[in-house]
Amino acid sequence: MGASTLGSRAIIGLFFQKLEAYMGKSWVDAISMRFDSDQASETYPWLGMVPAMREWIGPRLAHVLRENGLIIYNKKFEATIDIALDDIRRDKTQQINIRIGELAVRAVEHWAKLLSTFISNGTGSTNGLCYDGQYYFDSDHSEGASGSQSNLLTSSEVSALNVTTAAAPTAAEAMSAIMGVIAYMLTYKDDQGEPINANAREFLVMTSPYLMGPFASALFNRIVNTGSGAIDNTIMGLAEKEGFKIQLAINPRLTWTTNFATFRTDGQVKPMIRQEEVALEMSSKAEGSDYEHDNDAWQFGAKAVRNVGYGMWQHATHATLS
């Protein structure tokens, strides 16, 4: 069916059909959890972890949950397009359908854009503070009995981050770096001094297009190049024997040349938060409207009221190759 046969309601329906299809291809859901909002801002009280089981000696020992928190303020966003009636009438190649599909892609990418900004800011921007008052990626997180912990990793914490050429690691070096970072994440403790990632099995590694080659090889090739030979891929062995699942997200909004982030994706609390007061909606000025009369065109506008914030820093790391 050509676009010329579509009315405005059908065009809006096409938009949401494309939106659902594209959302399933994004990394957004993997690293962030969505919360509904009904006011200008929402406060998230991050309570401390529950205590570990102990031997019952004497009366019960009740623990008071530690409290931290953060506030996320909603913002209003929009995207609007005009479509001339002449273009709708003459369209024989479904270009209107394509443009509506592109608008849906933009809507899906908007979450990715917001989250990418927060990921970039997490290493030290004034907008990069998480619930404990530290930068999201920082070298001195501390809560209760956790001790000082870092999720801003260098070769000082993970020796495998020291490679021959930081901006051009071999696939084997990338493999070792990923393995080293995930192993380090498994050592994080909660405010009770207990391992917080003990049951973690699913992760997402995110980097820029600059490191796409070696990181893709490190995660997907059964044999990886060391620069002087080839070895078996230990990440695949970990997946097959221990049930680990590691995804790769190439994020063109990141300009990193020697850095990558790793997120735990199977925790009850995700590394990032998506907050939505008004879910994505589309309105139109179309058939029979004054706009159509005055401009010989239809107008379609998408709107959402939303924002993003930081979740559990213990489920995320920023690593620098050196």
C-alpha atoms as a PDB file:
ATOM      1  CA  MET A   1       0.000   0.000   0.000  1.00  0.00           C
ATOM      2  CA  GLY A   2       1.508   3.331  -1.044  1.00  0.00           C
ATOM      3  CA  ALA A   3       1.862   6.225   1.378  1.00  0.00           C
ATOM      4  CA  SER A   4      -0.626   8.233  -0.683  1.00  0.00           C
ATOM      5  CA  THR A   5      -3.411   5.932   0.585  1.00  0.00           C
ATOM      6  CA  LEU A   6      -2.534   6.511   4.232  1.00  0.00           C
ATOM      7  CA  GLY A   7      -4.480   8.889   6.429  1.00  0.00           C
ATOM      8  CA  SER A   8      -2.982  10.574   9.484  1.00  0.00           C
ATOM      9  CA  ARG A   9      -4.214   7.854  11.886  1.00  0.00           C
ATOM     10  CA  ALA A  10      -2.526   5.189   9.785  1.00  0.00           C
ATOM     11  CA  ILE A  11       0.708   7.195   9.711  1.00  0.00           C
ATOM     12  CA  ILE A  12       0.641   7.492  13.517  1.00  0.00           C
ATOM     13  CA  GLY A  13      -0.019   3.754  13.772  1.00  0.00           C
ATOM     14  CA  LEU A  14       2.953   3.095  11.518  1.00  0.00           C
ATOM     15  CA  PHE A  15       5.126   5.226  13.801  1.00  0.00           C
ATOM     16  CA  PHE A  16       4.325   3.120  16.882  1.00  0.00           C
ATOM     17  CA  GLN A  17       4.709  -0.114  14.930  1.00  0.00           C
ATOM     18  CA  LYS A  18       8.211   0.926  13.880  1.00  0.00           C
ATOM     19  CA  LEU A  19       8.949   2.160  17.401  1.00  0.00           C
ATOM     20  CA  GLU A  20       8.263  -1.244  18.928  1.00  0.00           C
ATOM     21  CA  ALA A  21      10.364  -3.005  16.308  1.00  0.00           C
ATOM     22  CA  TYR A  22      13.382  -0.752  16.765  1.00  0.00           C
ATOM     23  CA  MET A  23      13.269  -0.757  20.580  1.00  0.00           C
ATOM     24  CA  GLY A  24      14.086  -4.451  20.620  1.00  0.00           C
ATOM     25  CA  LYS A  25      17.378  -3.771  18.833  1.00  0.00           C
ATOM     26  CA  SER A  26      18.695  -1.249  21.353  1.00  0.00           C
ATOM     27  CA  TRP A  27      21.037  -1.786  24.301  1.00  0.00           C
ATOM     28  CA  VAL A  28      18.923   0.620  26.390  1.00  0.00           C
ATOM     29  CA  ASP A  29      16.788  -2.018  28.154  1.00  0.00           C
ATOM     30  CA  ALA A  30      19.818  -4.138  28.996  1.00  0.00           C
ATOM     31  CA  ILE A  31      21.523  -1.537  31.197  1.00  0.00           C
ATOM     32  CA  SER A  32      18.624   0.569  32.483  1.00  0.00           C
ATOM     33  CA  MET A  33      15.357   0.097  34.350  1.00  0.00           C
ATOM     34  CA  ARG A  34      12.297   2.220  33.620  1.00  0.00           C
ATOM     35  CA  PHE A  35      10.210   3.944  36.303  1.00  0.00           C
ATOM     36  CA  ASP A  36       6.934   5.821  35.889  1.00  0.00           C
ATOM     37  CA  SER A  37       6.734   9.364  37.225  1.00  0.00           C
ATOM     38  CA  ASP A  38       3.706  11.525  38.049  1.00  0.00           C
ATOM     39  CA  GLN A  39       5.383  14.787  39.034  1.00  0.00           C
ATOM     40  CA  ALA A  40       8.171  17.170  38.088  1.00  0.00           C
ATOM     41  CA  SER A  41      10.832  15.094  39.838  1.00  0.00           C
ATOM     42  CA  GLU A  42      11.203  11.794  41.632  1.00  0.00           C
ATOM     43  CA  THR A  43      13.331  10.923  44.655  1.00  0.00           C
ATOM     44  CA  TYR A  44      14.932   7.488  44.770  1.00  0.00           C
ATOM     45  CA  PRO A  45      15.890   6.434  48.319  1.00  0.00           C
ATOM     46  CA  TRP A  46      18.654   3.881  47.859  1.00  0.00           C
ATOM     47  CA  LEU A  47      18.425   1.751  50.990  1.00  0.00           C
ATOM     48  CA  GLY A  48      21.419  -0.267  52.141  1.00  0.00           C
ATOM     49  CA  MET A  49      21.608  -4.009  51.636  1.00  0.00           C
ATOM     50  CA  VAL A  50      19.926  -6.497  53.952  1.00  0.00           C
ATOM     51  CA  PRO A  51      22.250  -8.401  56.346  1.00  0.00           C
ATOM     52  CA  ALA A  52      23.746 -11.791  55.586  1.00  0.00           C
ATOM     53  CA  MET A  53      22.586 -14.867  57.482  1.00  0.00           C
ATOM     54  CA  ARG A  54      24.502 -15.453  60.745  1.00  0.00           C
ATOM     55  CA  GLU A  55      24.573 -18.033  63.472  1.00  0.00           C
ATOM     56  CA  TRP A  56      21.759 -17.340  65.948  1.00  0.00           C
ATOM     57  CA  ILE A  57      23.565 -16.593  69.200  1.00  0.00           C
ATOM     58  CA  GLY A  58      21.447 -14.845  71.820  1.00  0.00           C
ATOM     59  CA  PRO A  59      18.599 -12.583  70.647  1.00  0.00           C
ATOM     60  CA  ARG A  60      18.020 -11.582  67.030  1.00  0.00           C
ATOM     61  CA  LEU A  61      20.334  -8.829  65.790  1.00  0.00           C
ATOM     62  CA  ALA A  62      18.275  -6.291  63.830  1.00  0.00           C
ATOM     63  CA  HIS A  63      20.072  -4.103  61.281  1.00  0.00           C
ATOM     64  CA  VAL A  64      18.966  -0.605  60.293  1.00  0.00           C
ATOM     65  CA  LEU A  65      19.089  -0.038  56.542  1.00  0.00           C
ATOM     66  CA  ARG A  66      21.445   2.739  55.461  1.00  0.00           C
ATOM     67  CA  GLU A  67      19.884   5.487  53.372  1.00  0.00           C
ATOM     68  CA  ASN A  68      21.219   7.338  50.363  1.00  0.00           C
ATOM     69  CA  GLY A  69      19.221   8.934  47.595  1.00  0.00           C
ATOM     70  CA  LEU A  70      19.063  10.874  44.371  1.00  0.00           C
ATOM     71  CA  ILE A  71      16.559  13.096  42.605  1.00  0.00           C
ATOM     72  CA  ILE A  72      15.793  12.925  38.878  1.00  0.00           C
ATOM     73  CA  TYR A  73      14.046  15.906  37.304  1.00  0.00           C
ATOM     74  CA  ASN A  74      11.825  15.344  34.290  1.00  0.00           C
ATOM     75  CA  LYS A  75      12.390  17.280  31.076  1.00  0.00           C
ATOM     76  CA  LYS A  76      10.110  17.757  28.078  1.00  0.00           C
ATOM     77  CA  PHE A  77      11.314  16.669  24.630  1.00  0.00           C
ATOM     78  CA  GLU A  78       9.763  16.887  21.161  1.00  0.00           C
ATOM     79  CA  ALA A  79      10.373  16.163  17.486  1.00  0.00           C
ATOM     80  CA  THR A  80       8.087  17.562  14.777  1.00  0.00           C
ATOM     81  CA  ILE A  81       7.900  17.096  11.020  1.00  0.00           C
ATOM     82  CA  ASP A  82       5.813  18.711   8.269  1.00  0.00           C
ATOM     83  CA  ILE A  83       4.639  16.663   5.289  1.00  0.00           C
ATOM     84  CA  ALA A  84       3.300  18.542   2.280  1.00  0.00           C
ATOM     85  CA  LEU A  85       0.062  17.164   0.878  1.00  0.00           C
ATOM     86  CA  ASP A  86       1.635  17.200  -2.585  1.00  0.00           C
ATOM     87  CA  ASP A  87       4.354  14.871  -1.311  1.00  0.00           C
ATOM     88  CA  ILE A  88       1.786  12.523   0.212  1.00  0.00           C
ATOM     89  CA  ARG A  89      -0.237  12.460  -3.003  1.00  0.00           C
ATOM     90  CA  ARG A  90       2.752  11.917  -5.293  1.00  0.00           C
ATOM     91  CA  ASP A  91       4.681   9.423  -3.182  1.00  0.00           C
ATOM     92  CA  LYS A  92       5.085   6.159  -5.099  1.00  0.00           C
ATOM     93  CA  THR A  93       8.216   4.864  -3.382  1.00  0.00           C
ATOM     94  CA  GLN A  94       6.924   4.952   0.199  1.00  0.00           C
ATOM     95  CA  GLN A  95       9.344   7.706   1.195  1.00  0.00           C
ATOM     96  CA  ILE A  96       6.783   8.968   3.713  1.00  0.00           C
ATOM     97  CA  ASN A  97       6.790   5.549   5.378  1.00  0.00           C
ATOM     98  CA  ILE A  98      10.578   5.659   5.496  1.00  0.00           C
ATOM     99  CA  ARG A  99      10.577   9.105   7.102  1.00  0.00           C
ATOM    100  CA  ILE A 100       8.061   8.000   9.733  1.00  0.00           C
ATOM    101  CA  GLY A 101      10.276   4.992  10.412  1.00  0.00           C
ATOM    102  CA  GLU A 102      13.254   7.298  10.815  1.00  0.00           C
ATOM    103  CA  LEU A 103      11.283   9.385  13.310  1.00  0.00           C
ATOM    104  CA  ALA A 104      10.636   6.209  15.304  1.00  0.00           C
ATOM    105  CA  VAL A 105      14.368   5.417  15.236  1.00  0.00           C
ATOM    106  CA  ARG A 106      15.098   8.898  16.557  1.00  0.00           C
ATOM    107  CA  ALA A 107      12.630   8.315  19.392  1.00  0.00           C
ATOM    108  CA  VAL A 108      14.331   5.040  20.362  1.00  0.00           C
ATOM    109  CA  GLU A 109      17.777   6.606  20.058  1.00  0.00           C
ATOM    110  CA  HIS A 110      16.719   9.436  22.347  1.00  0.00           C
ATOM    111  CA  TRP A 111      16.995   7.145  25.370  1.00  0.00           C
ATOM    112  CA  ALA A 112      20.412   6.034  24.101  1.00  0.00           C
ATOM    113  CA  LYS A 113      21.454   9.650  23.643  1.00  0.00           C
ATOM    114  CA  LEU A 114      20.439  10.611  27.194  1.00  0.00           C
ATOM    115  CA  LEU A 115      22.113   7.540  28.705  1.00  0.00           C
ATOM    116  CA  SER A 116      25.281   8.040  26.642  1.00  0.00           C
ATOM    117  CA  THR A 117      25.649  11.570  27.966  1.00  0.00           C
ATOM    118  CA  PHE A 118      25.414  10.267  31.532  1.00  0.00           C
ATOM    119  CA  ILE A 119      27.899   7.489  30.791  1.00  0.00           C
ATOM    120  CA  SER A 120      30.350  10.061  29.417  1.00  0.00           C
ATOM    121  CA  ASN A 121      29.770  12.422  32.347  1.00  0.00           C
ATOM    122  CA  GLY A 122      30.213   9.652  34.901  1.00  0.00           C
ATOM    123  CA  THR A 123      34.001   9.950  35.039  1.00  0.00           C
ATOM    124  CA  GLY A 124      34.079  13.418  36.564  1.00  0.00           C
ATOM    125  CA  SER A 125      31.470  15.875  35.294  1.00  0.00           C
ATOM    126  CA  THR A 126      29.530  17.969  37.821  1.00  0.00           C
ATOM    127  CA  ASN A 127      26.475  16.180  36.400  1.00  0.00           C
ATOM    128  CA  GLY A 128      28.067  12.795  37.010  1.00  0.00           C
ATOM    129  CA  LEU A 129      27.238  12.209  40.679  1.00  0.00           C
ATOM    130  CA  CYS A 130      25.410   9.046  41.717  1.00  0.00           C
ATOM    131  CA  TYR A 131      23.393   8.206  44.823  1.00  0.00           C
ATOM    132  CA  ASP A 132      26.370   8.026  47.214  1.00  0.00           C
ATOM    133  CA  GLY A 133      27.540  11.541  46.321  1.00  0.00           C
ATOM    134  CA  GLN A 134      30.571  10.253  44.383  1.00  0.00           C
ATOM    135  CA  TYR A 135      31.113  10.401  40.644  1.00  0.00           C
ATOM    136  CA  TYR A 136      29.403   7.418  39.051  1.00  0.00           C
ATOM    137  CA  PHE A 137      32.778   6.085  37.917  1.00  0.00           C
ATOM    138  CA  ASP A 138      35.100   6.818  40.824  1.00  0.00           C
ATOM    139  CA  SER A 139      38.089   5.406  42.652  1.00  0.00           C
ATOM    140  CA  ASP A 140      36.799   5.786  46.222  1.00  0.00           C
ATOM    141  CA  HIS A 141      33.220   4.575  46.635  1.00  0.00           C
ATOM    142  CA  SER A 142      32.542   3.491  50.225  1.00  0.00           C
ATOM    143  CA  GLU A 143      29.368   2.411  52.016  1.00  0.00           C
ATOM    144  CA  GLY A 144      29.125   0.879  55.489  1.00  0.00           C
ATOM    145  CA  ALA A 145      31.373  -2.167  55.701  1.00  0.00           C
ATOM    146  CA  SER A 146      32.266  -2.211  51.990  1.00  0.00           C
ATOM    147  CA  GLY A 147      35.650  -0.562  52.341  1.00  0.00           C
ATOM    148  CA  SER A 148      36.961   1.766  49.635  1.00  0.00           C
ATOM    149  CA  GLN A 149      36.143   0.457  46.143  1.00  0.00           C
ATOM    150  CA  SER A 150      36.853   1.649  42.618  1.00  0.00           C
ATOM    151  CA  ASN A 151      34.872   1.281  39.413  1.00  0.00           C
ATOM    152  CA  LEU A 152      37.189   3.681  37.564  1.00  0.00           C
ATOM    153  CA  LEU A 153      39.691   1.056  36.542  1.00  0.00           C
ATOM    154  CA  THR A 154      43.227   1.287  35.235  1.00  0.00           C
ATOM    155  CA  SER A 155      46.073  -1.212  35.047  1.00  0.00           C
ATOM    156  CA  SER A 156      46.668  -0.550  38.758  1.00  0.00           C
ATOM    157  CA  GLU A 157      43.480  -2.488  39.521  1.00  0.00           C
ATOM    158  CA  VAL A 158      43.380  -4.800  36.484  1.00  0.00           C
ATOM    159  CA  SER A 159      46.818  -5.640  35.106  1.00  0.00           C
ATOM    160  CA  ALA A 160      45.325  -6.878  31.811  1.00  0.00           C
ATOM    161  CA  LEU A 161      44.428  -3.279  30.951  1.00  0.00           C
ATOM    162  CA  ASN A 162      48.131  -2.722  30.246  1.00  0.00           C
ATOM    163  CA  VAL A 163      48.440  -3.588  26.543  1.00  0.00           C
ATOM    164  CA  THR A 164      51.030  -3.077  23.828  1.00  0.00           C
ATOM    165  CA  THR A 165      49.204  -0.225  22.068  1.00  0.00           C
ATOM    166  CA  ALA A 166      46.333   1.317  24.037  1.00  0.00           C
ATOM    167  CA  ALA A 167      44.400   2.571  21.003  1.00  0.00           C
ATOM    168  CA  ALA A 168      44.933  -0.662  19.046  1.00  0.00           C
ATOM    169  CA  PRO A 169      44.874  -3.711  21.325  1.00  0.00           C
ATOM    170  CA  THR A 170      45.024  -7.169  19.839  1.00  0.00           C
ATOM    171  CA  ALA A 171      41.932  -9.354  20.103  1.00  0.00           C
ATOM    172  CA  ALA A 172      43.708 -11.421  22.760  1.00  0.00           C
ATOM    173  CA  GLU A 173      44.539  -8.288  24.774  1.00  0.00           C
ATOM    174  CA  ALA A 174      40.931  -7.112  24.512  1.00  0.00           C
ATOM    175  CA  MET A 175      39.757 -10.550  25.637  1.00  0.00           C
ATOM    176  CA  SER A 176      42.052 -10.481  28.677  1.00  0.00           C
ATOM    177  CA  ALA A 177      41.008  -6.917  29.520  1.00  0.00           C
ATOM    178  CA  ILE A 178      37.310  -7.824  29.441  1.00  0.00           C
ATOM    179  CA  MET A 179      37.897 -10.928  31.546  1.00  0.00           C
ATOM    180  CA  GLY A 180      39.975  -8.951  34.039  1.00  0.00           C
ATOM    181  CA  VAL A 181      37.336  -6.244  34.444  1.00  0.00           C
ATOM    182  CA  ILE A 182      34.504  -8.730  34.955  1.00  0.00           C
ATOM    183  CA  ALA A 183      36.602 -10.644  37.491  1.00  0.00           C
ATOM    184  CA  TYR A 184      37.231  -7.370  39.314  1.00  0.00           C
ATOM    185  CA  MET A 185      33.499  -6.581  39.362  1.00  0.00           C
ATOM    186  CA  LEU A 186      32.872  -9.895  41.119  1.00  0.00           C
ATOM    187  CA  THR A 187      34.939  -8.649  44.083  1.00  0.00           C
ATOM    188  CA  TYR A 188      32.670  -5.668  44.888  1.00  0.00           C
ATOM    189  CA  LYS A 189      31.097  -5.716  48.349  1.00  0.00           C
ATOM    190  CA  ASP A 190      27.851  -4.182  49.596  1.00  0.00           C
ATOM    191  CA  ASP A 191      27.473  -2.089  52.748  1.00  0.00           C
ATOM    192  CA  GLN A 192      27.291  -5.293  54.814  1.00  0.00           C
ATOM    193  CA  GLY A 193      30.689  -6.398  53.517  1.00  0.00           C
ATOM    194  CA  GLU A 194      29.111  -9.169  51.393  1.00  0.00           C
ATOM    195  CA  PRO A 195      29.865  -9.799  47.678  1.00  0.00           C
ATOM    196  CA  ILE A 196      27.271  -7.825  45.720  1.00  0.00           C
ATOM    197  CA  ASN A 197      27.915  -9.466  42.324  1.00  0.00           C
ATOM    198  CA  ALA A 198      28.378 -13.051  43.477  1.00  0.00           C
ATOM    199  CA  ASN A 199      25.625 -14.345  41.190  1.00  0.00           C
ATOM    200  CA  ALA A 200      26.373 -12.091  38.205  1.00  0.00           C
ATOM    201  CA  ARG A 201      26.426 -13.985  34.931  1.00  0.00           C
ATOM    202  CA  GLU A 202      25.296 -11.471  32.303  1.00  0.00           C
ATOM    203  CA  PHE A 203      27.237  -8.392  31.204  1.00  0.00           C
ATOM    204  CA  LEU A 204      27.314  -5.823  28.421  1.00  0.00           C
ATOM    205  CA  VAL A 205      30.589  -4.337  27.210  1.00  0.00           C
ATOM    206  CA  MET A 206      30.247  -0.900  25.607  1.00  0.00           C
ATOM    207  CA  THR A 207      32.870   0.981  23.658  1.00  0.00           C
ATOM    208  CA  SER A 208      33.201   3.351  20.720  1.00  0.00           C
ATOM    209  CA  PRO A 209      33.622   2.394  17.044  1.00  0.00           C
ATOM    210  CA  TYR A 210      37.386   2.976  17.434  1.00  0.00           C
ATOM    211  CA  LEU A 211      37.742  -0.288  19.365  1.00  0.00           C
ATOM    212  CA  MET A 212      35.063  -2.234  17.531  1.00  0.00           C
ATOM    213  CA  GLY A 213      37.425  -4.626  15.724  1.00  0.00           C
ATOM    214  CA  PRO A 214      39.426  -6.099  18.610  1.00  0.00           C
ATOM    215  CA  PHE A 215      36.462  -6.130  21.009  1.00  0.00           C
ATOM    216  CA  ALA A 216      34.174  -7.883  18.503  1.00  0.00           C
ATOM    217  CA  SER A 217      36.896 -10.459  17.873  1.00  0.00           C
ATOM    218  CA  ALA A 218      37.436 -10.891  21.606  1.00  0.00           C
ATOM    219  CA  LEU A 219      33.772 -11.702  22.177  1.00  0.00           C
ATOM    220  CA  PHE A 220      32.728 -13.548  19.018  1.00  0.00           C
ATOM    221  CA  ASN A 221      35.751 -15.338  17.523  1.00  0.00           C
ATOM    222  CA  ARG A 222      36.532 -18.811  18.831  1.00  0.00           C
ATOM    223  CA  ILE A 223      40.212 -18.273  18.025  1.00  0.00           C
ATOM    224  CA  VAL A 224      41.721 -14.846  18.774  1.00  0.00           C
ATOM    225  CA  ASN A 225      44.854 -13.148  17.507  1.00  0.00           C
ATOM    226  CA  THR A 226      47.657 -12.329  19.917  1.00  0.00           C
ATOM    227  CA  GLY A 227      49.688 -10.373  17.361  1.00  0.00           C
ATOM    228  CA  SER A 228      52.182 -13.198  17.066  1.00  0.00           C
ATOM    229  CA  GLY A 229      49.855 -16.187  16.925  1.00  0.00           C
ATOM    230  CA  ALA A 230      46.393 -17.453  17.843  1.00  0.00           C
ATOM    231  CA  ILE A 231      44.865 -18.827  21.043  1.00  0.00           C
ATOM    232  CA  ASP A 232      41.530 -20.223  22.159  1.00  0.00           C
ATOM    233  CA  ASN A 233      38.948 -17.673  23.273  1.00  0.00           C
ATOM    234  CA  THR A 234      38.573 -18.046  27.045  1.00  0.00           C
ATOM    235  CA  ILE A 235      35.447 -15.844  27.063  1.00  0.00           C
ATOM    236  CA  MET A 236      33.650 -18.447  24.943  1.00  0.00           C
ATOM    237  CA  GLY A 237      34.860 -21.145  27.314  1.00  0.00           C
ATOM    238  CA  LEU A 238      33.462 -19.172  30.228  1.00  0.00           C
ATOM    239  CA  ALA A 239      30.126 -18.887  28.441  1.00  0.00           C
ATOM    240  CA  GLU A 240      29.938 -22.570  27.604  1.00  0.00           C
ATOM    241  CA  LYS A 241      31.098 -23.973  30.952  1.00  0.00           C
ATOM    242  CA  GLU A 242      29.943 -21.378  33.497  1.00  0.00           C
ATOM    243  CA  GLY A 243      26.888 -19.870  31.790  1.00  0.00           C
ATOM    244  CA  PHE A 244      28.291 -16.371  31.389  1.00  0.00           C
ATOM    245  CA  LYS A 245      26.717 -14.172  28.707  1.00  0.00           C
ATOM    246  CA  ILE A 246      28.599 -11.101  27.481  1.00  0.00           C
ATOM    247  CA  GLN A 247      27.052  -8.734  24.938  1.00  0.00           C
ATOM    248  CA  LEU A 248      28.797  -6.013  22.940  1.00  0.00           C
ATOM    249  CA  ALA A 249      27.391  -2.542  22.275  1.00  0.00           C
ATOM    250  CA  ILE A 250      29.235  -0.257  19.877  1.00  0.00           C
ATOM    251  CA  ASN A 251      28.158   3.251  20.819  1.00  0.00           C
ATOM    252  CA  PRO A 252      28.993   5.929  18.204  1.00  0.00           C
ATOM    253  CA  ARG A 253      28.079   8.663  20.705  1.00  0.00           C
ATOM    254  CA  LEU A 254      31.203   7.788  22.689  1.00  0.00           C
ATOM    255  CA  THR A 255      34.488   9.235  21.473  1.00  0.00           C
ATOM    256  CA  TRP A 256      36.652   6.948  23.592  1.00  0.00           C
ATOM    257  CA  THR A 257      39.804   5.670  21.903  1.00  0.00           C
ATOM    258  CA  THR A 258      41.289   3.693  24.819  1.00  0.00           C
ATOM    259  CA  ASN A 259      38.279   3.155  27.096  1.00  0.00           C
ATOM    260  CA  PHE A 260      35.346   0.811  27.555  1.00  0.00           C
ATOM    261  CA  ALA A 261      32.507   0.391  30.039  1.00  0.00           C
ATOM    262  CA  THR A 262      31.168  -2.888  31.379  1.00  0.00           C
ATOM    263  CA  PHE A 263      27.669  -3.215  32.830  1.00  0.00           C
ATOM    264  CA  ARG A 264      26.072  -6.038  34.764  1.00  0.00           C
ATOM    265  CA  THR A 265      22.708  -6.696  33.108  1.00  0.00           C
ATOM    266  CA  ASP A 266      21.126  -9.435  35.260  1.00  0.00           C
ATOM    267  CA  GLY A 267      20.909  -7.625  38.603  1.00  0.00           C
ATOM    268  CA  GLN A 268      17.593  -6.768  40.278  1.00  0.00           C
ATOM    269  CA  VAL A 269      18.703  -3.130  40.096  1.00  0.00           C
ATOM    270  CA  LYS A 270      20.193  -2.008  36.777  1.00  0.00           C
ATOM    271  CA  PRO A 271      23.210   0.296  36.370  1.00  0.00           C
ATOM    272  CA  MET A 272      21.086   3.177  34.985  1.00  0.00           C
ATOM    273  CA  ILE A 273      17.561   4.577  35.441  1.00  0.00           C
ATOM    274  CA  ARG A 274      15.022   5.725  32.848  1.00  0.00           C
ATOM    275  CA  GLN A 275      12.243   7.886  34.250  1.00  0.00           C
ATOM    276  CA  GLU A 276       9.110   8.767  32.278  1.00  0.00           C
ATOM    277  CA  GLU A 277       6.309  11.133  33.291  1.00  0.00           C
ATOM    278  CA  VAL A 278       4.668  11.224  29.841  1.00  0.00           C
ATOM    279  CA  ALA A 279       5.310   8.227  27.617  1.00  0.00           C
ATOM    280  CA  LEU A 280       6.092   8.891  23.992  1.00  0.00           C
ATOM    281  CA  GLU A 281       2.998  10.144  22.186  1.00  0.00           C
ATOM    282  CA  MET A 282       2.302  11.529  18.738  1.00  0.00           C
ATOM    283  CA  SER A 283      -0.227  14.186  17.767  1.00  0.00           C
ATOM    284  CA  SER A 284      -1.113  15.624  14.385  1.00  0.00           C
ATOM    285  CA  LYS A 285      -2.614  18.582  12.628  1.00  0.00           C
ATOM    286  CA  ALA A 286      -4.014  16.817   9.624  1.00  0.00           C
ATOM    287  CA  GLU A 287      -7.302  16.205   7.803  1.00  0.00           C
ATOM    288  CA  GLY A 288      -9.695  19.110   8.151  1.00  0.00           C
ATOM    289  CA  SER A 289      -7.423  21.198  10.377  1.00  0.00           C
ATOM    290  CA  ASP A 290      -6.673  24.903  10.007  1.00  0.00           C
ATOM    291  CA  TYR A 291      -3.041  23.912   9.583  1.00  0.00           C
ATOM    292  CA  GLU A 292      -3.906  21.802   6.552  1.00  0.00           C
ATOM    293  CA  HIS A 293      -5.985  24.646   5.110  1.00  0.00           C
ATOM    294  CA  ASP A 294      -3.339  27.328   5.669  1.00  0.00           C
ATOM    295  CA  ASN A 295      -0.224  25.323   4.740  1.00  0.00           C
ATOM    296  CA  ASP A 296      -1.445  22.566   2.400  1.00  0.00           C
ATOM    297  CA  ALA A 297       0.427  20.185   4.671  1.00  0.00           C
ATOM    298  CA  TRP A 298       0.076  17.899   7.665  1.00  0.00           C
ATOM    299  CA  GLN A 299       2.192  18.168  10.802  1.00  0.00           C
ATOM    300  CA  PHE A 300       3.142  15.306  13.099  1.00  0.00           C
ATOM    301  CA  GLY A 301       4.743  15.853  16.488  1.00  0.00           C
ATOM    302  CA  ALA A 302       6.236  13.364  18.951  1.00  0.00           C
ATOM    303  CA  LYS A 303       6.501  14.338  22.614  1.00  0.00           C
ATOM    304  CA  ALA A 304       7.800  12.749  25.806  1.00  0.00           C
ATOM    305  CA  VAL A 305       8.532  13.959  29.346  1.00  0.00           C
ATOM    306  CA  ARG A 306      11.417  11.946  30.728  1.00  0.00           C
ATOM    307  CA  ASN A 307      14.977  11.861  31.981  1.00  0.00           C
ATOM    308  CA  VAL A 308      17.677   9.441  33.052  1.00  0.00           C
ATOM    309  CA  GLY A 309      19.904   8.959  36.082  1.00  0.00           C
ATOM    310  CA  TYR A 310      22.439   6.643  37.691  1.00  0.00           C
ATOM    311  CA  GLY A 311      21.473   3.379  39.315  1.00  0.00           C
ATOM    312  CA  MET A 312      23.905   0.951  40.955  1.00  0.00           C
ATOM    313  CA  TRP A 313      27.525   1.969  40.410  1.00  0.00           C
ATOM    314  CA  GLN A 314      28.495  -1.527  41.624  1.00  0.00           C
ATOM    315  CA  HIS A 315      27.013  -2.863  38.381  1.00  0.00           C
ATOM    316  CA  ALA A 316      29.174  -0.679  36.115  1.00  0.00           C
ATOM    317  CA  THR A 317      32.849   0.004  35.458  1.00  0.00           C
ATOM    318  CA  HIS A 318      34.845   2.359  33.282  1.00  0.00           C
ATOM    319  CA  ALA A 319      38.190   0.916  32.209  1.00  0.00           C
ATOM    320  CA  THR A 320      41.162   2.581  30.504  1.00  0.00           C
ATOM    321  CA  LEU A 321      43.671   0.691  28.405  1.00  0.00           C
ATOM    322  CA  SER A 322      47.269   1.826  28.769  1.00  0.00           C
END
